[in-house]
Amino acid sequence: MAFTRSFPPITQLSRPNNSLLAGATSDDDGRPPSGRTTITSRAANATTVAVETARPSILVLSGVSFPGWRVRVDGKAAELLRVDYLLRGVAVPQGHHNVEVYYSETSFRFGLLTPSLAAFGWCLIFFRSLEQAK
């Protein structure tokens, strides 16, 4: 499928009150904002991107937006946007910035902690029963 100049780069941006960032969706002539991006690191649960833009822009990543994803711009927490109902995005100010998108779900960590505590409890019960058997 070929894209034309009339192709809207962002059709839906989910934000409170559904407002767009001023000047972040297209240039005055209707073209999408230009800039440079370089993926500096990539893993299953994190991606770091170096971004350089001439004006405020929205960086759209092709991964699915799902609860638990977080984003930092230059080391500071930022709002993760849902773009076109499905994708992850982040507002990037003008200039050079490092954007880190990472997965950090609290319920996942709790899920790891629960079996660990249960195993520790079973070990305590086992060793106490050995002491009482003596």
N, C-alpha and C. Protein backbone atom coordinates (compact mmCIF):
# COMPACT_ATOMS: atom_id res chain seq x y z
N MET A 1 0.84 -1.17 0.00
CA MET A 1 0.00 0.00 0.00
C MET A 1 0.89 1.24 0.00
N ALA A 2 0.68 2.11 -0.93
CA ALA A 2 1.47 3.34 -1.03
C ALA A 2 0.78 4.45 -0.25
N PHE A 3 1.57 5.26 0.42
CA PHE A 3 1.02 6.37 1.18
C PHE A 3 1.15 7.65 0.37
N THR A 4 0.17 8.49 0.46
CA THR A 4 0.20 9.77 -0.24
C THR A 4 0.34 10.88 0.80
N ARG A 5 0.53 12.10 0.34
CA ARG A 5 0.64 13.24 1.25
C ARG A 5 -0.63 13.42 2.07
N SER A 6 -1.76 12.97 1.57
CA SER A 6 -3.01 13.16 2.30
C SER A 6 -3.22 12.11 3.39
N PHE A 7 -2.32 11.12 3.49
CA PHE A 7 -2.46 10.09 4.52
C PHE A 7 -2.26 10.70 5.90
N PRO A 8 -3.24 10.58 6.79
CA PRO A 8 -3.08 11.17 8.12
C PRO A 8 -2.15 10.32 8.98
N PRO A 9 -1.05 10.87 9.44
CA PRO A 9 -0.10 10.07 10.21
C PRO A 9 -0.64 9.62 11.55
N ILE A 10 -1.50 10.39 12.18
CA ILE A 10 -2.12 10.00 13.44
C ILE A 10 -3.60 10.30 13.32
N THR A 11 -4.44 9.27 13.43
CA THR A 11 -5.87 9.50 13.32
C THR A 11 -6.53 9.58 14.68
N GLN A 12 -5.93 8.98 15.70
CA GLN A 12 -6.52 9.02 17.03
C GLN A 12 -5.41 9.02 18.07
N LEU A 13 -5.45 9.98 18.96
CA LEU A 13 -4.49 10.06 20.05
C LEU A 13 -5.29 10.10 21.34
N SER A 14 -5.16 9.07 22.16
CA SER A 14 -5.93 8.99 23.40
C SER A 14 -5.24 9.76 24.50
N ARG A 15 -5.89 10.81 24.95
CA ARG A 15 -5.41 11.63 26.06
C ARG A 15 -6.63 12.09 26.82
N PRO A 16 -6.43 12.51 28.07
CA PRO A 16 -7.57 13.11 28.77
C PRO A 16 -8.13 14.25 27.93
N ASN A 17 -9.39 14.38 27.83
CA ASN A 17 -10.16 15.33 27.03
C ASN A 17 -9.82 15.25 25.53
N ASN A 18 -9.08 14.21 25.13
CA ASN A 18 -8.79 13.91 23.72
C ASN A 18 -8.14 15.07 22.98
N SER A 19 -7.35 15.89 23.69
CA SER A 19 -6.68 17.02 23.03
C SER A 19 -5.32 16.59 22.50
N LEU A 20 -4.91 17.19 21.43
CA LEU A 20 -3.59 16.93 20.86
C LEU A 20 -2.61 17.97 21.37
N LEU A 21 -1.35 17.61 21.39
CA LEU A 21 -0.33 18.59 21.77
C LEU A 21 -0.23 19.64 20.68
N ALA A 22 -0.13 20.87 21.08
CA ALA A 22 -0.09 21.97 20.12
C ALA A 22 1.11 21.82 19.19
N GLY A 23 0.85 21.78 17.90
CA GLY A 23 1.91 21.74 16.90
C GLY A 23 2.61 20.42 16.76
N ALA A 24 2.07 19.34 17.31
CA ALA A 24 2.81 18.08 17.29
C ALA A 24 2.31 17.08 16.25
N THR A 25 1.31 17.42 15.45
CA THR A 25 0.80 16.44 14.51
C THR A 25 1.14 16.72 13.06
N SER A 26 1.28 17.94 12.67
CA SER A 26 1.64 18.22 11.28
C SER A 26 2.22 19.62 11.16
N ASP A 27 3.01 19.81 10.11
CA ASP A 27 3.55 21.14 9.83
C ASP A 27 2.44 22.01 9.28
N ASP A 28 2.75 23.29 9.09
CA ASP A 28 1.75 24.21 8.56
C ASP A 28 1.24 23.78 7.19
N ASP A 29 2.08 23.09 6.43
CA ASP A 29 1.66 22.66 5.10
C ASP A 29 0.97 21.30 5.12
N GLY A 30 0.68 20.74 6.31
CA GLY A 30 -0.05 19.49 6.42
C GLY A 30 0.82 18.25 6.45
N ARG A 31 2.13 18.39 6.25
CA ARG A 31 3.01 17.23 6.27
C ARG A 31 3.31 16.84 7.72
N PRO A 32 3.58 15.56 7.96
CA PRO A 32 3.94 15.16 9.32
C PRO A 32 5.28 15.78 9.71
N PRO A 33 5.51 15.98 11.01
CA PRO A 33 6.78 16.57 11.44
C PRO A 33 7.95 15.68 11.07
N SER A 34 9.07 16.30 10.77
CA SER A 34 10.25 15.52 10.41
C SER A 34 11.22 15.49 11.57
N GLY A 35 12.08 14.52 11.57
CA GLY A 35 13.09 14.37 12.61
C GLY A 35 13.88 13.11 12.35
N ARG A 36 14.77 12.81 13.26
CA ARG A 36 15.60 11.61 13.14
C ARG A 36 15.44 10.76 14.39
N THR A 37 15.38 9.47 14.19
CA THR A 37 15.33 8.54 15.31
C THR A 37 16.35 7.44 15.09
N THR A 38 16.98 7.02 16.17
CA THR A 38 17.92 5.91 16.13
C THR A 38 17.64 5.03 17.33
N ILE A 39 17.36 3.75 17.09
CA ILE A 39 17.17 2.82 18.19
C ILE A 39 18.55 2.49 18.75
N THR A 40 18.78 2.88 20.00
CA THR A 40 20.10 2.67 20.60
C THR A 40 20.18 1.35 21.36
N SER A 41 19.05 0.84 21.84
CA SER A 41 19.03 -0.50 22.43
C SER A 41 17.62 -1.05 22.35
N ARG A 42 17.55 -2.38 22.25
CA ARG A 42 16.25 -3.04 22.13
C ARG A 42 16.31 -4.38 22.84
N ALA A 43 15.28 -4.65 23.65
CA ALA A 43 15.13 -5.93 24.32
C ALA A 43 13.64 -6.26 24.32
N ALA A 44 13.28 -7.42 24.86
CA ALA A 44 11.88 -7.82 24.86
C ALA A 44 11.03 -6.89 25.71
N ASN A 45 11.61 -6.33 26.77
CA ASN A 45 10.81 -5.49 27.66
C ASN A 45 11.26 -4.03 27.71
N ALA A 46 12.15 -3.61 26.82
CA ALA A 46 12.60 -2.21 26.82
C ALA A 46 13.19 -1.82 25.47
N THR A 47 12.96 -0.57 25.11
CA THR A 47 13.55 0.00 23.90
C THR A 47 14.00 1.41 24.22
N THR A 48 15.21 1.76 23.78
CA THR A 48 15.71 3.12 23.95
C THR A 48 15.93 3.72 22.57
N VAL A 49 15.42 4.94 22.38
CA VAL A 49 15.48 5.61 21.08
C VAL A 49 16.07 7.00 21.27
N ALA A 50 17.05 7.35 20.45
CA ALA A 50 17.57 8.71 20.39
C ALA A 50 16.73 9.46 19.37
N VAL A 51 16.17 10.60 19.77
CA VAL A 51 15.25 11.35 18.92
C VAL A 51 15.76 12.77 18.77
N GLU A 52 15.74 13.27 17.53
CA GLU A 52 16.08 14.67 17.28
C GLU A 52 14.99 15.26 16.41
N THR A 53 14.33 16.31 16.91
CA THR A 53 13.23 16.94 16.18
C THR A 53 13.42 18.45 16.13
N ALA A 54 12.87 19.05 15.09
CA ALA A 54 12.97 20.50 14.92
C ALA A 54 11.87 21.23 15.70
N ARG A 55 10.87 20.48 16.16
CA ARG A 55 9.78 21.07 16.93
C ARG A 55 9.10 19.96 17.73
N PRO A 56 8.21 20.27 18.66
CA PRO A 56 7.55 19.21 19.43
C PRO A 56 6.89 18.19 18.51
N SER A 57 7.08 16.91 18.83
CA SER A 57 6.58 15.83 17.98
C SER A 57 6.07 14.69 18.84
N ILE A 58 5.47 13.73 18.20
CA ILE A 58 5.02 12.52 18.88
C ILE A 58 5.77 11.35 18.27
N LEU A 59 6.53 10.65 19.09
CA LEU A 59 7.23 9.45 18.67
C LEU A 59 6.26 8.29 18.80
N VAL A 60 6.02 7.56 17.71
CA VAL A 60 5.11 6.42 17.72
C VAL A 60 5.93 5.16 17.56
N LEU A 61 5.75 4.23 18.49
CA LEU A 61 6.43 2.93 18.44
C LEU A 61 5.41 1.88 18.02
N SER A 62 5.84 0.93 17.23
CA SER A 62 4.90 -0.02 16.65
C SER A 62 4.47 -1.13 17.60
N GLY A 63 4.92 -1.11 18.84
CA GLY A 63 4.46 -2.10 19.81
C GLY A 63 3.07 -1.78 20.32
N VAL A 64 2.34 -2.80 20.72
CA VAL A 64 0.98 -2.63 21.20
C VAL A 64 0.98 -1.98 22.57
N SER A 65 0.11 -1.00 22.74
CA SER A 65 -0.06 -0.34 24.03
C SER A 65 -0.81 -1.27 24.96
N PHE A 66 -0.22 -1.54 26.13
CA PHE A 66 -0.78 -2.48 27.09
C PHE A 66 -0.45 -1.97 28.48
N PRO A 67 -1.35 -2.14 29.45
CA PRO A 67 -1.04 -1.67 30.81
C PRO A 67 0.29 -2.24 31.30
N GLY A 68 1.07 -1.43 31.93
CA GLY A 68 2.38 -1.86 32.44
C GLY A 68 3.54 -1.23 31.70
N TRP A 69 3.30 -0.70 30.49
CA TRP A 69 4.36 -0.03 29.76
C TRP A 69 4.55 1.36 30.34
N ARG A 70 5.79 1.76 30.50
CA ARG A 70 6.15 3.07 31.04
C ARG A 70 7.12 3.75 30.07
N VAL A 71 7.27 5.06 30.22
CA VAL A 71 8.18 5.79 29.33
C VAL A 71 8.90 6.87 30.12
N ARG A 72 10.16 7.09 29.74
CA ARG A 72 10.97 8.18 30.29
C ARG A 72 11.58 8.94 29.13
N VAL A 73 11.56 10.26 29.23
CA VAL A 73 12.23 11.12 28.25
C VAL A 73 13.36 11.82 29.00
N ASP A 74 14.57 11.57 28.57
CA ASP A 74 15.77 12.10 29.23
C ASP A 74 15.80 11.75 30.72
N GLY A 75 15.38 10.53 31.04
CA GLY A 75 15.42 10.04 32.41
C GLY A 75 14.26 10.46 33.29
N LYS A 76 13.35 11.28 32.78
CA LYS A 76 12.20 11.73 33.56
C LYS A 76 10.94 11.02 33.08
N ALA A 77 10.10 10.59 34.02
CA ALA A 77 8.85 9.91 33.66
C ALA A 77 8.00 10.81 32.76
N ALA A 78 7.39 10.20 31.76
CA ALA A 78 6.54 10.94 30.82
C ALA A 78 5.25 10.16 30.61
N GLU A 79 4.28 10.81 30.00
CA GLU A 79 2.98 10.18 29.74
C GLU A 79 3.08 9.29 28.50
N LEU A 80 2.67 8.03 28.66
CA LEU A 80 2.61 7.11 27.52
C LEU A 80 1.27 7.32 26.84
N LEU A 81 1.31 7.65 25.56
CA LEU A 81 0.10 7.92 24.79
C LEU A 81 -0.31 6.67 24.02
N ARG A 82 -1.61 6.53 23.81
CA ARG A 82 -2.10 5.45 22.96
C ARG A 82 -2.46 6.09 21.62
N VAL A 83 -1.80 5.63 20.57
CA VAL A 83 -1.93 6.22 19.24
C VAL A 83 -2.68 5.25 18.32
N ASP A 84 -3.63 5.75 17.57
CA ASP A 84 -4.44 4.95 16.65
C ASP A 84 -5.03 3.73 17.33
N TYR A 85 -5.51 3.92 18.55
CA TYR A 85 -6.20 2.92 19.35
C TYR A 85 -5.33 1.77 19.83
N LEU A 86 -4.14 1.58 19.31
CA LEU A 86 -3.39 0.35 19.55
C LEU A 86 -1.92 0.55 19.88
N LEU A 87 -1.30 1.55 19.32
CA LEU A 87 0.15 1.71 19.41
C LEU A 87 0.58 2.60 20.57
N ARG A 88 1.86 2.49 20.93
CA ARG A 88 2.42 3.34 21.99
C ARG A 88 3.03 4.58 21.37
N GLY A 89 2.90 5.70 22.08
CA GLY A 89 3.50 6.94 21.62
C GLY A 89 3.93 7.77 22.81
N VAL A 90 4.77 8.76 22.54
CA VAL A 90 5.23 9.68 23.58
C VAL A 90 5.49 11.05 22.95
N ALA A 91 5.09 12.10 23.67
CA ALA A 91 5.37 13.46 23.21
C ALA A 91 6.84 13.76 23.45
N VAL A 92 7.49 14.27 22.42
CA VAL A 92 8.92 14.60 22.51
C VAL A 92 9.09 16.08 22.20
N PRO A 93 9.71 16.83 23.12
CA PRO A 93 9.93 18.25 22.85
C PRO A 93 10.95 18.47 21.73
N GLN A 94 11.05 19.68 21.28
CA GLN A 94 12.02 20.05 20.25
C GLN A 94 13.43 19.78 20.75
N GLY A 95 14.29 19.31 19.86
CA GLY A 95 15.70 19.09 20.21
C GLY A 95 16.07 17.62 20.24
N HIS A 96 17.20 17.34 20.89
CA HIS A 96 17.72 15.97 20.99
C HIS A 96 17.33 15.37 22.34
N HIS A 97 16.75 14.18 22.32
CA HIS A 97 16.28 13.54 23.54
C HIS A 97 16.48 12.03 23.46
N ASN A 98 16.63 11.41 24.63
CA ASN A 98 16.67 9.95 24.74
C ASN A 98 15.35 9.49 25.34
N VAL A 99 14.68 8.59 24.63
CA VAL A 99 13.38 8.08 25.06
C VAL A 99 13.54 6.61 25.40
N GLU A 100 13.13 6.23 26.60
CA GLU A 100 13.18 4.83 27.02
C GLU A 100 11.76 4.36 27.30
N VAL A 101 11.34 3.32 26.60
CA VAL A 101 10.04 2.70 26.82
C VAL A 101 10.32 1.33 27.41
N TYR A 102 9.72 1.04 28.56
CA TYR A 102 10.02 -0.22 29.25
C TYR A 102 8.76 -0.78 29.90
N TYR A 103 8.78 -2.09 30.13
CA TYR A 103 7.65 -2.77 30.75
C TYR A 103 7.93 -2.97 32.22
N SER A 104 7.03 -2.50 33.06
CA SER A 104 7.19 -2.62 34.51
C SER A 104 5.82 -2.78 35.14
N GLU A 105 5.28 -3.98 35.11
CA GLU A 105 3.95 -4.23 35.64
C GLU A 105 4.03 -4.68 37.09
N THR A 106 3.31 -4.01 37.96
CA THR A 106 3.31 -4.31 39.38
C THR A 106 2.77 -5.71 39.65
N SER A 107 1.72 -6.11 38.97
CA SER A 107 1.13 -7.44 39.22
C SER A 107 2.11 -8.55 38.84
N PHE A 108 2.97 -8.31 37.85
CA PHE A 108 3.97 -9.31 37.47
C PHE A 108 4.97 -9.50 38.61
N ARG A 109 5.42 -8.38 39.20
CA ARG A 109 6.36 -8.47 40.32
C ARG A 109 5.70 -9.13 41.52
N PHE A 110 4.45 -8.82 41.76
CA PHE A 110 3.72 -9.45 42.86
C PHE A 110 3.60 -10.95 42.60
N GLY A 111 3.39 -11.32 41.35
CA GLY A 111 3.30 -12.73 40.98
C GLY A 111 4.61 -13.47 41.22
N LEU A 112 5.73 -12.80 41.10
CA LEU A 112 7.02 -13.43 41.41
C LEU A 112 7.24 -13.52 42.91
N LEU A 113 6.76 -12.53 43.65
CA LEU A 113 6.97 -12.49 45.09
C LEU A 113 6.16 -13.55 45.81
N THR A 114 4.94 -13.78 45.41
CA THR A 114 4.04 -14.71 46.09
C THR A 114 4.60 -16.13 46.16
N PRO A 115 5.04 -16.75 45.06
CA PRO A 115 5.60 -18.11 45.17
C PRO A 115 6.89 -18.14 45.99
N SER A 116 7.66 -17.07 45.94
CA SER A 116 8.89 -17.02 46.73
C SER A 116 8.58 -17.04 48.22
N LEU A 117 7.61 -16.26 48.63
CA LEU A 117 7.21 -16.26 50.03
C LEU A 117 6.62 -17.61 50.44
N ALA A 118 5.85 -18.23 49.56
CA ALA A 118 5.28 -19.55 49.84
C ALA A 118 6.39 -20.59 50.02
N ALA A 119 7.40 -20.56 49.16
CA ALA A 119 8.51 -21.51 49.27
C ALA A 119 9.28 -21.29 50.57
N PHE A 120 9.47 -20.04 50.94
CA PHE A 120 10.15 -19.73 52.19
C PHE A 120 9.34 -20.27 53.37
N GLY A 121 8.03 -20.09 53.33
CA GLY A 121 7.16 -20.61 54.39
C GLY A 121 7.22 -22.12 54.51
N TRP A 122 7.22 -22.81 53.37
CA TRP A 122 7.31 -24.28 53.38
C TRP A 122 8.66 -24.72 53.94
N CYS A 123 9.71 -24.01 53.64
CA CYS A 123 11.03 -24.35 54.20
C CYS A 123 11.03 -24.19 55.72
N LEU A 124 10.42 -23.13 56.22
CA LEU A 124 10.33 -22.94 57.67
C LEU A 124 9.57 -24.09 58.33
N ILE A 125 8.44 -24.44 57.75
CA ILE A 125 7.64 -25.55 58.30
C ILE A 125 8.43 -26.84 58.28
N PHE A 126 9.14 -27.12 57.19
CA PHE A 126 9.91 -28.34 57.05
C PHE A 126 11.01 -28.41 58.11
N PHE A 127 11.79 -27.33 58.27
CA PHE A 127 12.88 -27.34 59.22
C PHE A 127 12.39 -27.37 60.67
N ARG A 128 11.27 -26.75 60.95
CA ARG A 128 10.69 -26.84 62.31
C ARG A 128 10.25 -28.26 62.60
N SER A 129 9.67 -28.93 61.61
CA SER A 129 9.22 -30.31 61.82
C SER A 129 10.42 -31.23 62.05
N LEU A 130 11.56 -30.95 61.40
CA LEU A 130 12.77 -31.74 61.63
C LEU A 130 13.29 -31.52 63.04
N GLU A 131 13.24 -30.28 63.52
CA GLU A 131 13.70 -29.98 64.90
C GLU A 131 12.81 -30.68 65.92
N GLN A 132 11.52 -30.70 65.66
CA GLN A 132 10.59 -31.31 66.62
C GLN A 132 10.72 -32.84 66.61
N ALA A 133 11.17 -33.41 65.50
CA ALA A 133 11.31 -34.87 65.39
C ALA A 133 12.53 -35.35 66.20
N LYS A 134 13.45 -34.48 66.52
CA LYS A 134 14.66 -34.89 67.25
C LYS A 134 14.40 -35.13 68.69
